[in-house]
Every structure is written in structure tokens, then in C-alpha cells.
Amino acid sequence: MSSSQTTAGPAPAAQGSHHWVLTLEMPGRGMTTQFGTWTPPAGATRYDVLATLRAHIVAQNPEMASANIIFFSLEPNRL
């Protein structure tokens, strides 16, 4: 008779309600893609989230202040 043992992996880290990916590009000069999870405040719109995330990236990379948005994805963080 064989037995099977299942072990649990590490506990998942706390995550936000939504997963996001945002790519900004300065044509011919540089590009950045960042991603993460976040729980937007109640009543926030998709535009509100985009503007907040873009400002967050620009605060870290001031040279991206006038960058073009190449890609933006915002999805519920569940399977």
C-alpha cells in the first residue's frame, strides 16, 4: 500500500484586489514596464487607477513624465 503526503507551501503574501501592468515609453530613449497588485479605493474608476499608477512610476523615474502609455492592464486578482 502506498501513501501520499501533501505539504503546504509557504503562506501567500497579502495581495491587492487587482493585478496591474503598465508600460511607458520615451520613443528612442527608454521604456519601463512595472506590475503589481493594489486595492483601489471604493468608487475609483479605471482612469483613476491608471493616473495613480502612472504618477507612482513617474515619481520613481522622473524621465518618464512625458512618456507614452504603451500598455495598461488592470484585472481582478483571482483565477
PDB file of N, CA and C in Angstrom:
ATOM      1  N   MET A   1       0.849  -1.168   0.000  1.00  0.00           N
ATOM      2  CA  MET A   1       0.000   0.000   0.000  1.00  0.00           C
ATOM      3  C   MET A   1       0.898   1.235   0.000  1.00  0.00           C
ATOM      4  N   SER A   2       0.571   2.200  -0.807  1.00  0.00           N
ATOM      5  CA  SER A   2       1.348   3.433  -0.826  1.00  0.00           C
ATOM      6  C   SER A   2       0.539   4.547  -0.188  1.00  0.00           C
ATOM      7  N   SER A   3       1.248   5.498   0.315  1.00  0.00           N
ATOM      8  CA  SER A   3       0.572   6.647   0.913  1.00  0.00           C
ATOM      9  C   SER A   3       1.063   7.907   0.217  1.00  0.00           C
ATOM     10  N   SER A   4       0.239   8.881   0.218  1.00  0.00           N
ATOM     11  CA  SER A   4       0.576  10.155  -0.405  1.00  0.00           C
ATOM     12  C   SER A   4       0.546  11.219   0.665  1.00  0.00           C
ATOM     13  N   GLN A   5       1.546  12.057   0.643  1.00  0.00           N
ATOM     14  CA  GLN A   5       1.599  13.137   1.626  1.00  0.00           C
ATOM     15  C   GLN A   5       1.634  14.465   0.881  1.00  0.00           C
ATOM     16  N   THR A   6       0.802  15.367   1.284  1.00  0.00           N
ATOM     17  CA  THR A   6       0.772  16.700   0.698  1.00  0.00           C
ATOM     18  C   THR A   6       1.275  17.686   1.726  1.00  0.00           C
ATOM     19  N   THR A   7       2.214  18.486   1.317  1.00  0.00           N
ATOM     20  CA  THR A   7       2.703  19.524   2.224  1.00  0.00           C
ATOM     21  C   THR A   7       2.322  20.875   1.651  1.00  0.00           C
ATOM     22  N   ALA A   8       1.941  21.731   2.519  1.00  0.00           N
ATOM     23  CA  ALA A   8       1.557  23.085   2.095  1.00  0.00           C
ATOM     24  C   ALA A   8       2.802  23.914   1.857  1.00  0.00           C
ATOM     25  N   GLY A   9       2.744  24.760   0.841  1.00  0.00           N
ATOM     26  CA  GLY A   9       3.842  25.681   0.576  1.00  0.00           C
ATOM     27  C   GLY A   9       3.758  26.853   1.537  1.00  0.00           C
ATOM     28  N   PRO A  10       4.639  27.803   1.349  1.00  0.00           N
ATOM     29  CA  PRO A  10       4.604  28.982   2.220  1.00  0.00           C
ATOM     30  C   PRO A  10       3.295  29.743   2.060  1.00  0.00           C
ATOM     31  N   ALA A  11       2.884  30.397   3.103  1.00  0.00           N
ATOM     32  CA  ALA A  11       1.652  31.194   3.055  1.00  0.00           C
ATOM     33  C   ALA A  11       1.832  32.324   2.048  1.00  0.00           C
ATOM     34  N   PRO A  12       0.822  32.569   1.210  1.00  0.00           N
ATOM     35  CA  PRO A  12       0.948  33.648   0.227  1.00  0.00           C
ATOM     36  C   PRO A  12       1.010  35.014   0.913  1.00  0.00           C
ATOM     37  N   ALA A  13       1.771  35.896   0.315  1.00  0.00           N
ATOM     38  CA  ALA A  13       1.850  37.264   0.834  1.00  0.00           C
ATOM     39  C   ALA A  13       0.521  37.973   0.572  1.00  0.00           C
ATOM     40  N   ALA A  14       0.205  38.921   1.399  1.00  0.00           N
ATOM     41  CA  ALA A  14      -1.014  39.708   1.196  1.00  0.00           C
ATOM     42  C   ALA A  14      -0.933  40.413  -0.157  1.00  0.00           C
ATOM     43  N   GLN A  15      -2.010  40.375  -0.889  1.00  0.00           N
ATOM     44  CA  GLN A  15      -2.047  40.987  -2.213  1.00  0.00           C
ATOM     45  C   GLN A  15      -3.283  41.864  -2.340  1.00  0.00           C
ATOM     46  N   GLY A  16      -3.220  42.791  -3.282  1.00  0.00           N
ATOM     47  CA  GLY A  16      -4.350  43.662  -3.538  1.00  0.00           C
ATOM     48  C   GLY A  16      -5.445  42.956  -4.318  1.00  0.00           C
ATOM     49  N   SER A  17      -6.567  43.613  -4.461  1.00  0.00           N
ATOM     50  CA  SER A  17      -7.719  43.031  -5.147  1.00  0.00           C
ATOM     51  C   SER A  17      -7.554  42.991  -6.665  1.00  0.00           C
ATOM     52  N   HIS A  18      -6.628  43.783  -7.204  1.00  0.00           N
ATOM     53  CA  HIS A  18      -6.422  43.859  -8.649  1.00  0.00           C
ATOM     54  C   HIS A  18      -4.938  43.708  -8.990  1.00  0.00           C
ATOM     55  N   HIS A  19      -4.682  43.089 -10.145  1.00  0.00           N
ATOM     56  CA  HIS A  19      -3.318  42.975 -10.679  1.00  0.00           C
ATOM     57  C   HIS A  19      -3.208  43.971 -11.831  1.00  0.00           C
ATOM     58  N   TRP A  20      -2.074  44.672 -11.898  1.00  0.00           N
ATOM     59  CA  TRP A  20      -1.896  45.669 -12.946  1.00  0.00           C
ATOM     60  C   TRP A  20      -0.536  45.520 -13.623  1.00  0.00           C
ATOM     61  N   VAL A  21      -0.476  45.944 -14.885  1.00  0.00           N
ATOM     62  CA  VAL A  21       0.765  46.027 -15.655  1.00  0.00           C
ATOM     63  C   VAL A  21       0.693  47.340 -16.428  1.00  0.00           C
ATOM     64  N   LEU A  22       1.781  48.105 -16.377  1.00  0.00           N
ATOM     65  CA  LEU A  22       1.816  49.396 -17.081  1.00  0.00           C
ATOM     66  C   LEU A  22       3.182  49.564 -17.738  1.00  0.00           C
ATOM     67  N   THR A  23       3.178  49.841 -19.040  1.00  0.00           N
ATOM     68  CA  THR A  23       4.409  50.083 -19.793  1.00  0.00           C
ATOM     69  C   THR A  23       4.385  51.516 -20.315  1.00  0.00           C
ATOM     70  N   LEU A  24       5.454  52.244 -20.045  1.00  0.00           N
ATOM     71  CA  LEU A  24       5.635  53.609 -20.540  1.00  0.00           C
ATOM     72  C   LEU A  24       6.873  53.643 -21.422  1.00  0.00           C
ATOM     73  N   GLU A  25       6.831  54.474 -22.490  1.00  0.00           N
ATOM     74  CA  GLU A  25       7.971  54.568 -23.396  1.00  0.00           C
ATOM     75  C   GLU A  25       8.253  56.012 -23.783  1.00  0.00           C
ATOM     76  N   MET A  26       9.520  56.347 -23.757  1.00  0.00           N
ATOM     77  CA  MET A  26      10.017  57.591 -24.343  1.00  0.00           C
ATOM     78  C   MET A  26      10.642  57.161 -25.669  1.00  0.00           C
ATOM     79  N   PRO A  27       9.978  57.378 -26.798  1.00  0.00           N
ATOM     80  CA  PRO A  27      10.466  56.858 -28.069  1.00  0.00           C
ATOM     81  C   PRO A  27      11.948  57.158 -28.310  1.00  0.00           C
ATOM     82  N   GLY A  28      12.676  56.098 -28.584  1.00  0.00           N
ATOM     83  CA  GLY A  28      14.105  56.220 -28.861  1.00  0.00           C
ATOM     84  C   GLY A  28      14.967  56.478 -27.643  1.00  0.00           C
ATOM     85  N   ARG A  29      14.354  56.609 -26.460  1.00  0.00           N
ATOM     86  CA  ARG A  29      15.148  56.937 -25.277  1.00  0.00           C
ATOM     87  C   ARG A  29      15.021  55.941 -24.141  1.00  0.00           C
ATOM     88  N   GLY A  30      13.921  55.250 -24.046  1.00  0.00           N
ATOM     89  CA  GLY A  30      13.794  54.288 -22.954  1.00  0.00           C
ATOM     90  C   GLY A  30      12.369  53.833 -22.749  1.00  0.00           C
ATOM     91  N   MET A  31      12.253  52.752 -22.012  1.00  0.00           N
ATOM     92  CA  MET A  31      10.958  52.156 -21.740  1.00  0.00           C
ATOM     93  C   MET A  31      11.014  51.522 -20.354  1.00  0.00           C
ATOM     94  N   THR A  32       9.877  51.496 -19.682  1.00  0.00           N
ATOM     95  CA  THR A  32       9.788  50.799 -18.400  1.00  0.00           C
ATOM     96  C   THR A  32       8.448  50.074 -18.331  1.00  0.00           C
ATOM     97  N   THR A  33       8.478  48.877 -17.786  1.00  0.00           N
ATOM     98  CA  THR A  33       7.270  48.116 -17.505  1.00  0.00           C
ATOM     99  C   THR A  33       7.284  47.774 -16.036  1.00  0.00           C
ATOM    100  N   GLN A  34       6.198  48.082 -15.358  1.00  0.00           N
ATOM    101  CA  GLN A  34       6.071  47.740 -13.946  1.00  0.00           C
ATOM    102  C   GLN A  34       4.745  47.033 -13.739  1.00  0.00           C
ATOM    103  N   PHE A  35       4.665  46.267 -12.661  1.00  0.00           N
ATOM    104  CA  PHE A  35       3.458  45.500 -12.375  1.00  0.00           C
ATOM    105  C   PHE A  35       3.338  45.302 -10.885  1.00  0.00           C
ATOM    106  N   GLY A  36       2.154  44.925 -10.457  1.00  0.00           N
ATOM    107  CA  GLY A  36       1.936  44.648  -9.038  1.00  0.00           C
ATOM    108  C   GLY A  36       0.465  44.407  -8.769  1.00  0.00           C
ATOM    109  N   THR A  37       0.127  44.400  -7.491  1.00  0.00           N
ATOM    110  CA  THR A  37      -1.264  44.287  -7.087  1.00  0.00           C
ATOM    111  C   THR A  37      -1.607  45.495  -6.233  1.00  0.00           C
ATOM    112  N   TRP A  38      -2.889  45.848  -6.240  1.00  0.00           N
ATOM    113  CA  TRP A  38      -3.337  47.014  -5.480  1.00  0.00           C
ATOM    114  C   TRP A  38      -4.838  46.919  -5.278  1.00  0.00           C
ATOM    115  N   THR A  39      -5.294  47.421  -4.175  1.00  0.00           N
ATOM    116  CA  THR A  39      -6.727  47.534  -3.914  1.00  0.00           C
ATOM    117  C   THR A  39      -7.091  49.007  -4.032  1.00  0.00           C
ATOM    118  N   PRO A  40      -7.744  49.386  -5.132  1.00  0.00           N
ATOM    119  CA  PRO A  40      -8.122  50.785  -5.304  1.00  0.00           C
ATOM    120  C   PRO A  40      -9.159  51.202  -4.260  1.00  0.00           C
ATOM    121  N   PRO A  41      -9.226  52.488  -3.945  1.00  0.00           N
ATOM    122  CA  PRO A  41     -10.241  52.954  -3.003  1.00  0.00           C
ATOM    123  C   PRO A  41     -11.642  52.763  -3.573  1.00  0.00           C
ATOM    124  N   ALA A  42     -12.607  52.637  -2.699  1.00  0.00           N
ATOM    125  CA  ALA A  42     -14.008  52.477  -3.117  1.00  0.00           C
ATOM    126  C   ALA A  42     -14.396  53.629  -4.042  1.00  0.00           C
ATOM    127  N   GLY A  43     -15.069  53.299  -5.122  1.00  0.00           N
ATOM    128  CA  GLY A  43     -15.528  54.315  -6.060  1.00  0.00           C
ATOM    129  C   GLY A  43     -14.513  54.723  -7.110  1.00  0.00           C
ATOM    130  N   ALA A  44     -13.293  54.203  -7.041  1.00  0.00           N
ATOM    131  CA  ALA A  44     -12.266  54.567  -8.024  1.00  0.00           C
ATOM    132  C   ALA A  44     -12.648  54.024  -9.396  1.00  0.00           C
ATOM    133  N   THR A  45     -12.314  54.781 -10.418  1.00  0.00           N
ATOM    134  CA  THR A  45     -12.555  54.350 -11.791  1.00  0.00           C
ATOM    135  C   THR A  45     -11.269  53.768 -12.365  1.00  0.00           C
ATOM    136  N   ARG A  46     -11.390  53.142 -13.513  1.00  0.00           N
ATOM    137  CA  ARG A  46     -10.208  52.610 -14.200  1.00  0.00           C
ATOM    138  C   ARG A  46      -9.226  53.749 -14.500  1.00  0.00           C
ATOM    139  N   TYR A  47      -9.753  54.906 -14.917  1.00  0.00           N
ATOM    140  CA  TYR A  47      -8.893  56.066 -15.180  1.00  0.00           C
ATOM    141  C   TYR A  47      -8.166  56.517 -13.912  1.00  0.00           C
ATOM    142  N   ASP A  48      -8.869  56.536 -12.790  1.00  0.00           N
ATOM    143  CA  ASP A  48      -8.244  56.921 -11.513  1.00  0.00           C
ATOM    144  C   ASP A  48      -7.051  56.019 -11.213  1.00  0.00           C
ATOM    145  N   VAL A  49      -7.245  54.719 -11.420  1.00  0.00           N
ATOM    146  CA  VAL A  49      -6.167  53.760 -11.154  1.00  0.00           C
ATOM    147  C   VAL A  49      -5.000  54.008 -12.105  1.00  0.00           C
ATOM    148  N   LEU A  50      -5.283  54.180 -13.398  1.00  0.00           N
ATOM    149  CA  LEU A  50      -4.222  54.449 -14.370  1.00  0.00           C
ATOM    150  C   LEU A  50      -3.439  55.704 -13.985  1.00  0.00           C
ATOM    151  N   ALA A  51      -4.125  56.779 -13.669  1.00  0.00           N
ATOM    152  CA  ALA A  51      -3.457  58.035 -13.317  1.00  0.00           C
ATOM    153  C   ALA A  51      -2.597  57.877 -12.064  1.00  0.00           C
ATOM    154  N   THR A  52      -3.103  57.157 -11.074  1.00  0.00           N
ATOM    155  CA  THR A  52      -2.346  56.939  -9.832  1.00  0.00           C
ATOM    156  C   THR A  52      -1.102  56.101 -10.089  1.00  0.00           C
ATOM    157  N   LEU A  53      -1.253  55.017 -10.857  1.00  0.00           N
ATOM    158  CA  LEU A  53      -0.112  54.149 -11.141  1.00  0.00           C
ATOM    159  C   LEU A  53       0.922  54.867 -11.998  1.00  0.00           C
ATOM    160  N   ARG A  54       0.475  55.646 -12.974  1.00  0.00           N
ATOM    161  CA  ARG A  54       1.413  56.405 -13.812  1.00  0.00           C
ATOM    162  C   ARG A  54       2.201  57.400 -12.951  1.00  0.00           C
ATOM    163  N   ALA A  55       1.515  58.083 -12.053  1.00  0.00           N
ATOM    164  CA  ALA A  55       2.193  59.027 -11.161  1.00  0.00           C
ATOM    165  C   ALA A  55       3.202  58.309 -10.269  1.00  0.00           C
ATOM    166  N   HIS A  56       2.861  57.114  -9.821  1.00  0.00           N
ATOM    167  CA  HIS A  56       3.774  56.315  -8.994  1.00  0.00           C
ATOM    168  C   HIS A  56       5.051  55.975  -9.775  1.00  0.00           C
ATOM    169  N   ILE A  57       4.882  55.552 -11.031  1.00  0.00           N
ATOM    170  CA  ILE A  57       6.047  55.204 -11.850  1.00  0.00           C
ATOM    171  C   ILE A  57       6.882  56.439 -12.156  1.00  0.00           C
ATOM    172  N   VAL A  58       6.242  57.555 -12.474  1.00  0.00           N
ATOM    173  CA  VAL A  58       6.967  58.796 -12.771  1.00  0.00           C
ATOM    174  C   VAL A  58       7.721  59.297 -11.537  1.00  0.00           C
ATOM    175  N   ALA A  59       7.161  59.099 -10.350  1.00  0.00           N
ATOM    176  CA  ALA A  59       7.866  59.509  -9.125  1.00  0.00           C
ATOM    177  C   ALA A  59       9.175  58.726  -8.975  1.00  0.00           C
ATOM    178  N   GLN A  60       9.171  57.469  -9.416  1.00  0.00           N
ATOM    179  CA  GLN A  60      10.382  56.643  -9.351  1.00  0.00           C
ATOM    180  C   GLN A  60      11.314  56.904 -10.530  1.00  0.00           C
ATOM    181  N   ASN A  61      10.748  57.315 -11.667  1.00  0.00           N
ATOM    182  CA  ASN A  61      11.503  57.531 -12.906  1.00  0.00           C
ATOM    183  C   ASN A  61      11.079  58.864 -13.516  1.00  0.00           C
ATOM    184  N   PRO A  62      11.553  59.988 -12.981  1.00  0.00           N
ATOM    185  CA  PRO A  62      11.103  61.302 -13.454  1.00  0.00           C
ATOM    186  C   PRO A  62      11.263  61.521 -14.962  1.00  0.00           C
ATOM    187  N   GLU A  63      12.234  60.837 -15.570  1.00  0.00           N
ATOM    188  CA  GLU A  63      12.433  60.983 -17.014  1.00  0.00           C
ATOM    189  C   GLU A  63      11.238  60.457 -17.814  1.00  0.00           C
ATOM    190  N   MET A  64      10.327  59.721 -17.180  1.00  0.00           N
ATOM    191  CA  MET A  64       9.148  59.174 -17.847  1.00  0.00           C
ATOM    192  C   MET A  64       7.926  60.096 -17.745  1.00  0.00           C
ATOM    193  N   ALA A  65       8.115  61.311 -17.276  1.00  0.00           N
ATOM    194  CA  ALA A  65       6.989  62.234 -17.059  1.00  0.00           C
ATOM    195  C   ALA A  65       6.181  62.496 -18.325  1.00  0.00           C
ATOM    196  N   SER A  66       6.829  62.550 -19.473  1.00  0.00           N
ATOM    197  CA  SER A  66       6.096  62.798 -20.718  1.00  0.00           C
ATOM    198  C   SER A  66       6.044  61.546 -21.605  1.00  0.00           C
ATOM    199  N   ALA A  67       6.234  60.386 -21.012  1.00  0.00           N
ATOM    200  CA  ALA A  67       6.255  59.124 -21.766  1.00  0.00           C
ATOM    201  C   ALA A  67       4.864  58.763 -22.289  1.00  0.00           C
ATOM    202  N   ASN A  68       4.867  57.996 -23.356  1.00  0.00           N
ATOM    203  CA  ASN A  68       3.637  57.456 -23.926  1.00  0.00           C
ATOM    204  C   ASN A  68       3.245  56.189 -23.172  1.00  0.00           C
ATOM    205  N   ILE A  69       1.953  55.984 -22.999  1.00  0.00           N
ATOM    206  CA  ILE A  69       1.466  54.736 -22.422  1.00  0.00           C
ATOM    207  C   ILE A  69       1.379  53.730 -23.565  1.00  0.00           C
ATOM    208  N   ILE A  70       2.154  52.672 -23.458  1.00  0.00           N
ATOM    209  CA  ILE A  70       2.201  51.646 -24.489  1.00  0.00           C
ATOM    210  C   ILE A  70       1.249  50.500 -24.158  1.00  0.00           C
ATOM    211  N   PHE A  71       1.146  50.174 -22.864  1.00  0.00           N
ATOM    212  CA  PHE A  71       0.299  49.059 -22.446  1.00  0.00           C
ATOM    213  C   PHE A  71      -0.200  49.309 -21.038  1.00  0.00           C
ATOM    214  N   PHE A  72      -1.483  49.006 -20.800  1.00  0.00           N
ATOM    215  CA  PHE A  72      -2.059  49.074 -19.460  1.00  0.00           C
ATOM    216  C   PHE A  72      -3.059  47.941 -19.312  1.00  0.00           C
ATOM    217  N   SER A  73      -2.926  47.192 -18.244  1.00  0.00           N
ATOM    218  CA  SER A  73      -3.868  46.122 -17.935  1.00  0.00           C
ATOM    219  C   SER A  73      -4.222  46.216 -16.460  1.00  0.00           C
ATOM    220  N   LEU A  74      -5.491  46.087 -16.167  1.00  0.00           N
ATOM    221  CA  LEU A  74      -5.998  46.078 -14.801  1.00  0.00           C
ATOM    222  C   LEU A  74      -7.064  44.996 -14.733  1.00  0.00           C
ATOM    223  N   GLU A  75      -6.802  43.971 -13.957  1.00  0.00           N
ATOM    224  CA  GLU A  75      -7.711  42.823 -13.878  1.00  0.00           C
ATOM    225  C   GLU A  75      -7.937  42.443 -12.417  1.00  0.00           C
ATOM    226  N   PRO A  76      -9.100  41.880 -12.113  1.00  0.00           N
ATOM    227  CA  PRO A  76      -9.288  41.346 -10.762  1.00  0.00           C
ATOM    228  C   PRO A  76      -8.196  40.302 -10.478  1.00  0.00           C
ATOM    229  N   ASN A  77      -7.662  40.316  -9.293  1.00  0.00           N
ATOM    230  CA  ASN A  77      -6.550  39.437  -8.919  1.00  0.00           C
ATOM    231  C   ASN A  77      -7.081  38.108  -8.399  1.00  0.00           C
ATOM    232  N   ARG A  78      -7.637  37.328  -9.303  1.00  0.00           N
ATOM    233  CA  ARG A  78      -8.146  35.994  -8.946  1.00  0.00           C
ATOM    234  C   ARG A  78      -8.076  35.111 -10.185  1.00  0.00           C
ATOM    235  N   LEU A  79      -8.125  33.819  -9.950  1.00  0.00           N
ATOM    236  CA  LEU A  79      -8.123  32.865 -11.071  1.00  0.00           C
ATOM    237  C   LEU A  79      -9.522  32.348 -11.304  1.00  0.00           C
TER     238      LEU A  79
END
